[in-house]
Amino acid sequence: MVRKPLIQEDYDLFEGTGLTPVGEVVGVQDRYQNLNPVKAKGVDLSARWGLRGTRFGDFSLSVNASQLSSFKQNLLPILADALTAQQNGKINPAIIIGAGGSEQVARNGAKPEWKVTSTAVWNYANFSVRGSAQYVDDVQSGVWPDGSDFIVGGTTLYNASVRYVFPDSTRLAGLEAEIGARNLFDKDPPLNASGAYLPTLYQPLGRFIYVNLSKSF
């Protein structure tokens, strides 16, 4: 940060505050810096099940889950100084600075412990029905007026679609028609203590219905 040299008005402005006078800001030098090393631990889980050739068609189910059990990263010196100032009551506690070296899983509006995605598919004759769900675990983002953690609740979004492939014996052979919906139940993203959604975890898109036609030659 670049400041003008101190003048008498600066001394007058800071008088009685207990703060060291500083000059007017005239520029900011914002250079990219390498962050300190990250130490992360977790596990990925995957399960698949299928049943084929029944008189009711073919069925399949897959579930993929990721658990982040630990995430730690030391802060840059300038951020460490800001964190110390925040802990001493000089910076608003609602401002997210980070916590160097401490556990960050489910903290500061990012890095939920669990993310789970599941997909179920039913194929029967020329029809294919698909449903999926994505779950994001809860995280802390901001604080209540009493200083306690504000928890953004976990959420699950659902998608569904139906596809039909026209038989080769018809004039429409090679044509596929699909109708589907994303965010099937039109669910809004959860909000943090500031009344905003977390863009790194959620999208603010409501229910989206689509129709798709494709032709193979």
Protein backbone atom coordinates (compact mmCIF):
# COMPACT_ATOMS: atom_id res chain seq x y z
CA MET A 1 0.00 0.00 0.00
CA VAL A 2 1.40 3.39 -1.04
CA ARG A 3 0.62 6.44 1.08
CA LYS A 4 1.34 10.14 0.91
CA PRO A 5 3.78 11.60 3.45
CA LEU A 6 2.16 12.61 6.73
CA ILE A 7 0.76 16.12 6.98
CA GLN A 8 -0.72 18.00 9.91
CA GLU A 9 -4.28 17.04 8.90
CA ASP A 10 -3.35 13.37 9.35
CA TYR A 11 -2.10 14.00 12.88
CA ASP A 12 -5.28 15.90 13.68
CA LEU A 13 -7.45 13.10 12.25
CA PHE A 14 -5.81 10.43 14.41
CA GLU A 15 -5.57 12.51 17.58
CA GLY A 16 -7.11 10.76 20.58
CA THR A 17 -7.65 7.43 18.78
CA GLY A 18 -4.56 5.70 20.13
CA LEU A 19 -3.61 4.74 16.57
CA THR A 20 -0.40 5.66 14.79
CA PRO A 21 -1.09 8.34 12.15
CA VAL A 22 -0.72 7.29 8.52
CA GLY A 23 -0.87 9.23 5.26
CA GLU A 24 -3.61 9.15 2.62
CA VAL A 25 -3.67 6.01 0.45
CA VAL A 26 -2.70 6.76 -3.15
CA GLY A 27 -2.10 3.25 -4.49
CA VAL A 28 -2.07 -0.48 -3.77
CA GLN A 29 0.67 -2.86 -4.87
CA ASP A 30 -1.12 -6.18 -5.26
CA ARG A 31 1.44 -8.71 -6.43
CA TYR A 32 0.88 -12.44 -6.76
CA GLN A 33 2.59 -14.49 -4.08
CA ASN A 34 3.03 -18.20 -3.56
CA LEU A 35 0.94 -19.42 -0.67
CA ASN A 36 2.37 -21.59 2.07
CA PRO A 37 2.20 -25.40 1.74
CA VAL A 38 -1.15 -27.13 2.17
CA LYS A 39 -1.62 -30.28 4.23
CA ALA A 40 -4.84 -32.09 3.36
CA LYS A 41 -6.24 -35.50 4.30
CA GLY A 42 -9.35 -37.25 3.11
CA VAL A 43 -10.85 -40.29 1.49
CA ASP A 44 -12.81 -40.97 -1.70
CA LEU A 45 -15.45 -43.69 -1.67
CA SER A 46 -17.23 -45.20 -4.66
CA ALA A 47 -19.87 -47.91 -4.97
CA ARG A 48 -21.63 -49.28 -8.06
CA TRP A 49 -24.48 -51.76 -8.46
CA GLY A 50 -26.16 -53.09 -11.59
CA LEU A 51 -28.89 -55.53 -12.55
CA ARG A 52 -29.34 -56.42 -16.23
CA GLY A 53 -31.61 -58.56 -18.32
CA THR A 54 -34.70 -58.59 -16.08
CA ARG A 55 -38.20 -58.49 -17.53
CA PHE A 56 -38.50 -54.99 -16.08
CA GLY A 57 -35.34 -53.75 -17.80
CA ASP A 58 -31.85 -52.86 -16.64
CA PHE A 59 -31.03 -51.05 -13.42
CA SER A 60 -27.87 -49.33 -12.20
CA LEU A 61 -26.91 -47.26 -9.17
CA SER A 62 -23.68 -45.44 -8.38
CA VAL A 63 -22.64 -43.45 -5.31
CA ASN A 64 -19.47 -41.36 -5.02
CA ALA A 65 -18.50 -39.69 -1.75
CA SER A 66 -15.54 -37.54 -0.76
CA GLN A 67 -14.63 -36.82 2.84
CA LEU A 68 -12.14 -34.08 3.65
CA SER A 69 -10.95 -34.96 7.14
CA SER A 70 -8.24 -32.30 7.48
CA PHE A 71 -7.09 -29.16 5.66
CA LYS A 72 -4.40 -26.88 7.05
CA GLN A 73 -2.36 -24.07 5.52
CA ASN A 74 -0.12 -21.49 7.16
CA LEU A 75 -1.00 -17.86 6.46
CA LEU A 76 1.26 -15.38 4.72
CA PRO A 77 2.92 -12.99 7.22
CA ILE A 78 0.65 -10.06 6.27
CA LEU A 79 -2.47 -12.21 6.80
CA ALA A 80 -1.08 -13.55 10.06
CA ASP A 81 -0.75 -9.96 11.28
CA ALA A 82 -4.34 -9.26 10.24
CA LEU A 83 -5.55 -12.37 12.08
CA THR A 84 -3.73 -11.28 15.24
CA ALA A 85 -5.38 -7.87 14.97
CA GLN A 86 -8.77 -9.54 14.58
CA GLN A 87 -8.20 -11.72 17.63
CA ASN A 88 -7.32 -8.56 19.58
CA GLY A 89 -10.63 -6.97 18.63
CA LYS A 90 -9.23 -4.47 16.10
CA ILE A 91 -10.90 -6.04 13.04
CA ASN A 92 -14.53 -7.07 12.66
CA PRO A 93 -14.81 -10.83 13.49
CA ALA A 94 -17.23 -11.30 10.57
CA ILE A 95 -14.38 -10.65 8.10
CA ILE A 96 -12.93 -13.95 6.88
CA ILE A 97 -9.15 -13.90 7.16
CA GLY A 98 -8.36 -17.53 7.84
CA ALA A 99 -6.63 -19.33 10.63
CA GLY A 100 -3.06 -20.21 9.84
CA GLY A 101 -2.16 -23.77 10.70
CA SER A 102 -5.55 -24.52 12.25
CA GLU A 103 -8.20 -26.90 10.94
CA GLN A 104 -10.16 -25.43 8.04
CA VAL A 105 -12.61 -28.26 7.28
CA ALA A 106 -16.16 -26.84 7.36
CA ARG A 107 -14.78 -23.41 8.32
CA ASN A 108 -14.88 -19.99 6.67
CA GLY A 109 -17.53 -20.80 4.10
CA ALA A 110 -15.58 -23.43 2.20
CA LYS A 111 -14.23 -26.98 2.26
CA PRO A 112 -17.21 -28.98 3.56
CA GLU A 113 -16.33 -32.29 5.15
CA TRP A 114 -18.62 -34.35 2.89
CA LYS A 115 -19.67 -34.17 -0.75
CA VAL A 116 -21.80 -37.01 -2.12
CA THR A 117 -23.15 -37.65 -5.63
CA SER A 118 -25.49 -40.50 -6.53
CA THR A 119 -27.04 -41.54 -9.85
CA ALA A 120 -29.76 -44.11 -10.60
CA VAL A 121 -30.64 -45.27 -14.13
CA TRP A 122 -33.48 -47.46 -15.41
CA ASN A 123 -33.41 -48.66 -19.02
CA TYR A 124 -36.47 -50.37 -20.46
CA ALA A 125 -36.88 -51.05 -24.18
CA ASN A 126 -36.26 -47.68 -25.86
CA PHE A 127 -36.76 -45.63 -22.69
CA SER A 128 -34.10 -44.48 -20.26
CA VAL A 129 -34.95 -42.78 -16.95
CA ARG A 130 -32.20 -41.13 -14.95
CA GLY A 131 -32.18 -39.48 -11.54
CA SER A 132 -29.28 -37.95 -9.62
CA ALA A 133 -28.62 -36.09 -6.38
CA GLN A 134 -25.73 -33.96 -5.13
CA TYR A 135 -25.23 -33.37 -1.40
CA VAL A 136 -22.94 -30.71 0.09
CA ASP A 137 -22.27 -30.81 3.84
CA ASP A 138 -22.74 -27.83 6.15
CA VAL A 139 -20.03 -25.22 6.75
CA GLN A 140 -19.44 -22.29 9.08
CA SER A 141 -19.62 -18.84 7.46
CA GLY A 142 -19.76 -15.75 9.63
CA VAL A 143 -20.94 -15.33 13.21
CA TRP A 144 -24.11 -14.51 15.13
CA PRO A 145 -24.30 -11.20 17.07
CA ASP A 146 -23.18 -13.05 20.19
CA GLY A 147 -20.01 -14.20 18.43
CA SER A 148 -21.03 -17.85 18.01
CA ASP A 149 -20.52 -19.60 14.67
CA PHE A 150 -23.15 -19.19 11.97
CA ILE A 151 -23.66 -22.60 10.34
CA VAL A 152 -24.79 -22.81 6.72
CA GLY A 153 -26.82 -26.01 6.56
CA GLY A 154 -26.06 -28.82 4.16
CA THR A 155 -28.19 -29.10 1.06
CA THR A 156 -29.14 -31.65 -1.61
CA LEU A 157 -30.11 -30.91 -5.21
CA TYR A 158 -31.96 -33.37 -7.44
CA ASN A 159 -31.97 -33.81 -11.22
CA ALA A 160 -34.08 -36.10 -13.43
CA SER A 161 -34.51 -36.90 -17.12
CA VAL A 162 -36.35 -39.25 -19.50
CA ARG A 163 -34.93 -40.23 -22.89
CA TYR A 164 -36.52 -42.11 -25.78
CA VAL A 165 -34.63 -43.62 -28.71
CA PHE A 166 -36.77 -44.20 -31.77
CA PRO A 167 -36.50 -47.80 -33.08
CA ASP A 168 -34.52 -48.59 -36.21
CA SER A 169 -37.68 -49.97 -37.83
CA THR A 170 -39.32 -46.52 -37.94
CA ARG A 171 -38.82 -43.52 -40.22
CA LEU A 172 -37.37 -41.66 -37.21
CA ALA A 173 -34.59 -44.20 -36.69
CA GLY A 174 -31.51 -42.57 -35.13
CA LEU A 175 -33.52 -39.82 -33.46
CA GLU A 176 -33.28 -39.39 -29.67
CA ALA A 177 -35.59 -37.19 -27.59
CA GLU A 178 -34.91 -36.21 -23.99
CA ILE A 179 -36.68 -34.05 -21.45
CA GLY A 180 -35.22 -33.30 -18.05
CA ALA A 181 -34.92 -30.93 -15.14
CA ARG A 182 -31.98 -29.69 -13.12
CA ASN A 183 -32.65 -28.60 -9.53
CA LEU A 184 -35.90 -30.51 -9.83
CA PHE A 185 -37.52 -29.09 -6.67
CA ASP A 186 -36.41 -25.49 -7.33
CA LYS A 187 -34.35 -25.29 -4.16
CA ASP A 188 -32.55 -22.05 -3.27
CA PRO A 189 -28.95 -22.19 -2.05
CA PRO A 190 -28.48 -21.73 1.71
CA LEU A 191 -27.29 -18.31 2.87
CA ASN A 192 -24.47 -17.30 5.17
CA ALA A 193 -24.51 -14.78 8.03
CA SER A 194 -24.38 -11.88 5.55
CA GLY A 195 -27.44 -13.14 3.68
CA ALA A 196 -25.43 -14.23 0.62
CA TYR A 197 -24.92 -17.64 -0.93
CA LEU A 198 -21.44 -19.21 -1.15
CA PRO A 199 -20.47 -19.18 -4.87
CA THR A 200 -17.63 -21.69 -4.40
CA LEU A 201 -20.15 -24.30 -3.19
CA TYR A 202 -23.52 -23.46 -4.72
CA GLN A 203 -25.15 -21.98 -7.80
CA PRO A 204 -28.14 -19.63 -7.53
CA LEU A 205 -29.95 -21.26 -10.45
CA GLY A 206 -33.54 -22.31 -9.91
CA ARG A 207 -35.33 -25.18 -11.62
CA PHE A 208 -34.14 -25.57 -15.21
CA ILE A 209 -36.22 -27.64 -17.62
CA TYR A 210 -34.75 -28.64 -20.95
CA VAL A 211 -35.69 -30.58 -24.09
CA ASN A 212 -33.06 -32.12 -26.33
CA LEU A 213 -33.37 -33.70 -29.77
CA SER A 214 -30.46 -35.40 -31.50
CA LYS A 215 -30.10 -37.37 -34.71
CA SER A 216 -27.49 -39.97 -35.63
CA PHE A 217 -26.63 -40.60 -39.27
